[in-house]
Every structure is written in structure tokens, then in C-alpha cells.
Amino acid sequence: MTLVVQDDTGTVSGANGYISVAEFKAYHDDRANDYSAAVDDAAIGVAIVKATDYLDQRFAFVGRRRTGREQTTEWPRTNAYDRDGFYVSNIPPELKEACAEYALRAIAAALNPDPDADATGRAVQSKSESVGPISSSVTYVAGAVLSLPKYPAADLRLTKTGLVMQGGEVRRA
């Protein structure tokens, strides 16, 4: 997998990342975060692609993709205003920072793993079994709500900007 970094014009063909490996390293070096679990730059690049996918799938952003459907990432966007009312015409630094945070987590584990489910497709919260005299217990996730993992260091960087839509409305502080 080759990392192709999107630019502020949104015209990079096949773009699949918001930051470069160098930007990832600089961000985490500034914070003394350990990313040594990534054996090489290629592993960091894969993590960045996963983080970018996660960002684009998890969040609904204000505005529209700058170059339309052919744009392979959600940013940059048009008609995007932050919580202070400023027009955002580039890829926001907070999005890049969140991408670096998510990528660090993607090095160690899946960002949004598929939930455990039984044969009926119901999400399993916990399961216990014993062999003699045969016993089995399954606790299902309450309701049909599936909650996404929480990554406060990344989530808060992004949601504080006002560029993420919540509940169908733009969240403004």
C-alpha cells in the first residue's frame, strides 16, 4: 500500500492520507510519543491510510468536498466554516493532528474493529461457557446502538473546531 498525501487543492489523484510520514513523526516527536511499534516508514504509512479512512468514515463534516465525488478524501472542503465563523479553505491543522493521533493507535490495533456477533448477527457484549455440566451465557449489547471506540486525544482535537456535524446540525461552541 502506497501512501498518497492529499493537498489543499483536493486534486491529488488517489490520495489516501492527510499527513506524510514526516509529519506523523514530527507531531509525535514534539510530544515525546513512542511510535517504535511501527517497524518502518511503510508501517507508519499504512497506519496513516487507516487513520484517514477512519476520519472520513466516522465524521460528517460541514461543507462539501472541494472537487466533488472524484476527490478521494473528505478534505479539503468548500463552504466550511469553523466554530468562530472563519472560512476553512484548506485541510485544517486539527484534522492533521487528529490523523496523527489515530495513526498512532492504528499501529497497535484496529481503530474500529467489527463487533463480536452471534449467528443471528446480534452484537455480543460478553460470553461465558463452561464444560461440565454444560453451561453457557451470552450478554448482548443493549438496543441496536453500536458505540464507536473513544479516542479523546484525537476526537477532541477535531470536534472542538466546529467542523464536525453532530446530530444533523453543526455544533458551535
C-alpha atoms as a PDB file:
ATOM      1  CA  MET A   1       0.000   0.000   0.000  1.00  0.00           C
ATOM      2  CA  THR A   2       1.402   3.352  -1.007  1.00  0.00           C
ATOM      3  CA  LEU A   3       0.624   6.474   0.990  1.00  0.00           C
ATOM      4  CA  VAL A   4      -0.563   9.312  -1.253  1.00  0.00           C
ATOM      5  CA  VAL A   5      -0.995  12.561   0.693  1.00  0.00           C
ATOM      6  CA  GLN A   6      -3.861  14.906  -0.203  1.00  0.00           C
ATOM      7  CA  ASP A   7      -3.019  18.590  -0.654  1.00  0.00           C
ATOM      8  CA  ASP A   8      -5.039  21.744  -0.014  1.00  0.00           C
ATOM      9  CA  THR A   9      -6.419  21.770  -3.571  1.00  0.00           C
ATOM     10  CA  GLY A  10      -8.054  18.334  -3.276  1.00  0.00           C
ATOM     11  CA  THR A  11      -6.761  17.355  -6.702  1.00  0.00           C
ATOM     12  CA  VAL A  12      -4.219  14.664  -5.776  1.00  0.00           C
ATOM     13  CA  SER A  13      -5.265  11.589  -7.719  1.00  0.00           C
ATOM     14  CA  GLY A  14      -5.726   8.560  -5.484  1.00  0.00           C
ATOM     15  CA  ALA A  15      -4.991  10.480  -2.275  1.00  0.00           C
ATOM     16  CA  ASN A  16      -5.462   8.278   0.784  1.00  0.00           C
ATOM     17  CA  GLY A  17      -3.771  10.231   3.569  1.00  0.00           C
ATOM     18  CA  TYR A  18      -3.956  13.620   5.239  1.00  0.00           C
ATOM     19  CA  ILE A  19      -0.365  13.658   6.506  1.00  0.00           C
ATOM     20  CA  SER A  20       3.023  12.385   5.420  1.00  0.00           C
ATOM     21  CA  VAL A  21       5.242  10.028   7.397  1.00  0.00           C
ATOM     22  CA  ALA A  22       7.489  13.012   8.179  1.00  0.00           C
ATOM     23  CA  GLU A  23       4.512  14.978   9.566  1.00  0.00           C
ATOM     24  CA  PHE A  24       3.493  11.957  11.672  1.00  0.00           C
ATOM     25  CA  LYS A  25       6.988  11.663  13.130  1.00  0.00           C
ATOM     26  CA  ALA A  26       7.342  15.407  13.773  1.00  0.00           C
ATOM     27  CA  TYR A  27       3.970  15.526  15.548  1.00  0.00           C
ATOM     28  CA  HIS A  28       4.787  12.597  17.831  1.00  0.00           C
ATOM     29  CA  ASP A  29       8.422  13.612  18.375  1.00  0.00           C
ATOM     30  CA  ASP A  30       7.180  17.029  19.592  1.00  0.00           C
ATOM     31  CA  ARG A  31       5.064  15.210  22.186  1.00  0.00           C
ATOM     32  CA  ALA A  32       7.614  12.504  23.055  1.00  0.00           C
ATOM     33  CA  ASN A  33       5.120   9.832  21.956  1.00  0.00           C
ATOM     34  CA  ASP A  34       6.578   6.403  21.273  1.00  0.00           C
ATOM     35  CA  TYR A  35       5.823   5.034  17.818  1.00  0.00           C
ATOM     36  CA  SER A  36       8.574   2.413  17.801  1.00  0.00           C
ATOM     37  CA  ALA A  37       5.975  -0.365  17.414  1.00  0.00           C
ATOM     38  CA  ALA A  38       5.930   0.611  13.729  1.00  0.00           C
ATOM     39  CA  VAL A  39       8.871  -1.296  12.325  1.00  0.00           C
ATOM     40  CA  ASP A  40       9.445   1.069   9.414  1.00  0.00           C
ATOM     41  CA  ASP A  41       8.090   4.043   7.477  1.00  0.00           C
ATOM     42  CA  ALA A  42       5.891   1.759   5.364  1.00  0.00           C
ATOM     43  CA  ALA A  43       4.074   0.613   8.529  1.00  0.00           C
ATOM     44  CA  ILE A  44       3.546   4.239   9.532  1.00  0.00           C
ATOM     45  CA  GLY A  45       2.198   4.956   6.044  1.00  0.00           C
ATOM     46  CA  VAL A  46      -0.315   2.103   6.365  1.00  0.00           C
ATOM     47  CA  ALA A  47      -1.397   3.466   9.758  1.00  0.00           C
ATOM     48  CA  ILE A  48      -1.895   6.931   8.225  1.00  0.00           C
ATOM     49  CA  VAL A  49      -4.094   5.467   5.484  1.00  0.00           C
ATOM     50  CA  LYS A  50      -6.151   3.623   8.125  1.00  0.00           C
ATOM     51  CA  ALA A  51      -6.437   6.805  10.198  1.00  0.00           C
ATOM     52  CA  THR A  52      -7.559   8.814   7.169  1.00  0.00           C
ATOM     53  CA  ASP A  53     -10.166   6.174   6.311  1.00  0.00           C
ATOM     54  CA  TYR A  54     -11.373   6.247   9.911  1.00  0.00           C
ATOM     55  CA  LEU A  55     -11.698  10.038   9.911  1.00  0.00           C
ATOM     56  CA  ASP A  56     -13.578  10.076   6.618  1.00  0.00           C
ATOM     57  CA  GLN A  57     -15.946   7.284   7.657  1.00  0.00           C
ATOM     58  CA  ARG A  58     -16.601   8.299  11.249  1.00  0.00           C
ATOM     59  CA  PHE A  59     -17.271  12.005  10.927  1.00  0.00           C
ATOM     60  CA  ALA A  60     -19.743  14.055   8.886  1.00  0.00           C
ATOM     61  CA  PHE A  61     -18.060  17.348   8.132  1.00  0.00           C
ATOM     62  CA  VAL A  62     -19.530  20.732   7.329  1.00  0.00           C
ATOM     63  CA  GLY A  63     -19.408  21.923   3.735  1.00  0.00           C
ATOM     64  CA  ARG A  64     -18.751  19.830   0.617  1.00  0.00           C
ATOM     65  CA  ARG A  65     -15.714  18.144  -0.895  1.00  0.00           C
ATOM     66  CA  ARG A  66     -13.863  20.740  -2.921  1.00  0.00           C
ATOM     67  CA  THR A  67     -13.586  18.808  -6.186  1.00  0.00           C
ATOM     68  CA  GLY A  68     -16.702  16.668  -5.868  1.00  0.00           C
ATOM     69  CA  ARG A  69     -17.114  12.926  -5.982  1.00  0.00           C
ATOM     70  CA  GLU A  70     -13.786  12.288  -7.702  1.00  0.00           C
ATOM     71  CA  GLN A  71     -11.989  13.642  -4.620  1.00  0.00           C
ATOM     72  CA  THR A  72     -10.834  10.584  -2.653  1.00  0.00           C
ATOM     73  CA  THR A  73     -10.719  12.250   0.768  1.00  0.00           C
ATOM     74  CA  GLU A  74     -13.315  14.337   2.592  1.00  0.00           C
ATOM     75  CA  TRP A  75     -10.948  17.326   2.915  1.00  0.00           C
ATOM     76  CA  PRO A  76     -10.353  19.942   1.612  1.00  0.00           C
ATOM     77  CA  ARG A  77     -13.918  21.275   1.501  1.00  0.00           C
ATOM     78  CA  THR A  78     -15.867  24.295   0.331  1.00  0.00           C
ATOM     79  CA  ASN A  79     -18.480  26.178   2.369  1.00  0.00           C
ATOM     80  CA  ALA A  80     -16.757  25.078   5.574  1.00  0.00           C
ATOM     81  CA  TYR A  81     -16.721  27.480   8.495  1.00  0.00           C
ATOM     82  CA  ASP A  82     -15.222  26.765  11.904  1.00  0.00           C
ATOM     83  CA  ARG A  83     -16.908  27.436  15.242  1.00  0.00           C
ATOM     84  CA  ASP A  84     -15.642  31.025  15.211  1.00  0.00           C
ATOM     85  CA  GLY A  85     -17.165  31.664  11.786  1.00  0.00           C
ATOM     86  CA  PHE A  86     -13.862  31.639   9.869  1.00  0.00           C
ATOM     87  CA  TYR A  87     -13.849  30.108   6.391  1.00  0.00           C
ATOM     88  CA  VAL A  88     -11.663  26.995   6.227  1.00  0.00           C
ATOM     89  CA  SER A  89     -10.337  26.512   2.712  1.00  0.00           C
ATOM     90  CA  ASN A  90      -7.500  24.095   3.417  1.00  0.00           C
ATOM     91  CA  ILE A  91      -7.049  20.846   5.288  1.00  0.00           C
ATOM     92  CA  PRO A  92      -7.367  22.064   8.896  1.00  0.00           C
ATOM     93  CA  PRO A  93      -4.345  21.549  11.164  1.00  0.00           C
ATOM     94  CA  GLU A  94      -6.644  19.944  13.747  1.00  0.00           C
ATOM     95  CA  LEU A  95      -7.630  17.306  11.181  1.00  0.00           C
ATOM     96  CA  LYS A  96      -3.962  16.565  10.508  1.00  0.00           C
ATOM     97  CA  GLU A  97      -3.279  16.358  14.240  1.00  0.00           C
ATOM     98  CA  ALA A  98      -6.232  14.001  14.728  1.00  0.00           C
ATOM     99  CA  CYS A  99      -4.943  11.905  11.819  1.00  0.00           C
ATOM    100  CA  ALA A 100      -1.543  11.605  13.548  1.00  0.00           C
ATOM    101  CA  GLU A 101      -3.248  10.586  16.810  1.00  0.00           C
ATOM    102  CA  TYR A 102      -5.451   7.978  15.132  1.00  0.00           C
ATOM    103  CA  ALA A 103      -2.483   6.657  13.121  1.00  0.00           C
ATOM    104  CA  LEU A 104      -0.517   6.087  16.332  1.00  0.00           C
ATOM    105  CA  ARG A 105      -3.376   3.971  17.636  1.00  0.00           C
ATOM    106  CA  ALA A 106      -3.733   2.169  14.293  1.00  0.00           C
ATOM    107  CA  ILE A 107      -0.152   0.937  14.602  1.00  0.00           C
ATOM    108  CA  ALA A 108      -1.132  -1.156  17.632  1.00  0.00           C
ATOM    109  CA  ALA A 109      -4.760  -2.136  16.972  1.00  0.00           C
ATOM    110  CA  ALA A 110      -7.764  -1.743  14.687  1.00  0.00           C
ATOM    111  CA  LEU A 111      -9.368   1.679  15.120  1.00  0.00           C
ATOM    112  CA  ASN A 112     -12.903   0.408  14.674  1.00  0.00           C
ATOM    113  CA  PRO A 113     -12.925  -3.377  14.960  1.00  0.00           C
ATOM    114  CA  ASP A 114     -16.005  -5.298  13.912  1.00  0.00           C
ATOM    115  CA  PRO A 115     -18.089  -6.137  16.974  1.00  0.00           C
ATOM    116  CA  ASP A 116     -18.392  -9.731  18.104  1.00  0.00           C
ATOM    117  CA  ALA A 117     -21.726 -11.108  16.937  1.00  0.00           C
ATOM    118  CA  ASP A 118     -23.587 -14.373  17.259  1.00  0.00           C
ATOM    119  CA  ALA A 119     -25.099 -16.392  14.398  1.00  0.00           C
ATOM    120  CA  THR A 120     -28.163 -14.094  14.340  1.00  0.00           C
ATOM    121  CA  GLY A 121     -25.979 -11.007  13.868  1.00  0.00           C
ATOM    122  CA  ARG A 122     -26.726  -9.544  17.306  1.00  0.00           C
ATOM    123  CA  ALA A 123     -23.753  -7.778  18.907  1.00  0.00           C
ATOM    124  CA  VAL A 124     -22.325  -9.729  21.836  1.00  0.00           C
ATOM    125  CA  GLN A 125     -21.123  -7.784  24.854  1.00  0.00           C
ATOM    126  CA  SER A 126     -19.808 -10.794  26.781  1.00  0.00           C
ATOM    127  CA  LYS A 127     -19.891 -14.554  26.592  1.00  0.00           C
ATOM    128  CA  SER A 128     -19.065 -17.296  29.089  1.00  0.00           C
ATOM    129  CA  GLU A 129     -19.050 -21.054  28.711  1.00  0.00           C
ATOM    130  CA  SER A 130     -18.277 -23.998  30.951  1.00  0.00           C
ATOM    131  CA  VAL A 131     -17.862 -27.646  30.103  1.00  0.00           C
ATOM    132  CA  GLY A 132     -19.301 -29.648  32.921  1.00  0.00           C
ATOM    133  CA  PRO A 133     -22.269 -29.795  33.498  1.00  0.00           C
ATOM    134  CA  ILE A 134     -22.616 -27.687  30.360  1.00  0.00           C
ATOM    135  CA  SER A 135     -23.431 -24.040  30.887  1.00  0.00           C
ATOM    136  CA  SER A 136     -23.479 -21.066  28.553  1.00  0.00           C
ATOM    137  CA  SER A 137     -24.231 -17.386  29.000  1.00  0.00           C
ATOM    138  CA  VAL A 138     -24.366 -14.554  26.483  1.00  0.00           C
ATOM    139  CA  THR A 139     -24.938 -10.857  27.197  1.00  0.00           C
ATOM    140  CA  TYR A 140     -25.922  -8.768  24.201  1.00  0.00           C
ATOM    141  CA  VAL A 141     -25.279  -5.102  23.575  1.00  0.00           C
ATOM    142  CA  ALA A 142     -28.346  -3.210  24.769  1.00  0.00           C
ATOM    143  CA  GLY A 143     -30.588  -1.950  21.984  1.00  0.00           C
ATOM    144  CA  ALA A 144     -29.383  -1.508  18.460  1.00  0.00           C
ATOM    145  CA  VAL A 145     -26.875   1.199  19.324  1.00  0.00           C
ATOM    146  CA  LEU A 146     -23.309   0.393  18.491  1.00  0.00           C
ATOM    147  CA  SER A 147     -20.892   2.826  20.073  1.00  0.00           C
ATOM    148  CA  LEU A 148     -17.608   3.648  18.432  1.00  0.00           C
ATOM    149  CA  PRO A 149     -14.371   3.477  20.389  1.00  0.00           C
ATOM    150  CA  LYS A 150     -13.372   6.697  22.111  1.00  0.00           C
ATOM    151  CA  TYR A 151     -10.012   8.303  21.398  1.00  0.00           C
ATOM    152  CA  PRO A 152     -10.154  11.566  23.375  1.00  0.00           C
ATOM    153  CA  ALA A 153      -6.769  12.929  22.257  1.00  0.00           C
ATOM    154  CA  ALA A 154      -7.866  12.732  18.628  1.00  0.00           C
ATOM    155  CA  ASP A 155     -11.638  13.164  18.948  1.00  0.00           C
ATOM    156  CA  LEU A 156     -11.426  16.376  20.961  1.00  0.00           C
ATOM    157  CA  ARG A 157      -8.871  17.980  18.631  1.00  0.00           C
ATOM    158  CA  LEU A 158     -11.327  17.617  15.811  1.00  0.00           C
ATOM    159  CA  THR A 159     -14.724  18.194  17.413  1.00  0.00           C
ATOM    160  CA  LYS A 160     -13.642  21.431  19.125  1.00  0.00           C
ATOM    161  CA  THR A 161     -13.225  23.074  15.713  1.00  0.00           C
ATOM    162  CA  GLY A 162     -16.931  23.097  14.891  1.00  0.00           C
ATOM    163  CA  LEU A 163     -16.163  21.451  11.546  1.00  0.00           C
ATOM    164  CA  VAL A 164     -17.867  18.193  12.539  1.00  0.00           C
ATOM    165  CA  MET A 165     -21.623  17.887  12.224  1.00  0.00           C
ATOM    166  CA  GLN A 166     -23.386  16.299  15.177  1.00  0.00           C
ATOM    167  CA  GLY A 167     -26.991  15.172  15.241  1.00  0.00           C
ATOM    168  CA  GLY A 168     -27.571  16.606  11.770  1.00  0.00           C
ATOM    169  CA  GLU A 169     -26.597  20.087  12.896  1.00  0.00           C
ATOM    170  CA  VAL A 170     -23.351  21.946  13.074  1.00  0.00           C
ATOM    171  CA  ARG A 171     -22.048  22.063  16.611  1.00  0.00           C
ATOM    172  CA  ARG A 172     -20.983  25.548  17.593  1.00  0.00           C
ATOM    173  CA  ALA A 173     -19.467  26.388  20.956  1.00  0.00           C
END
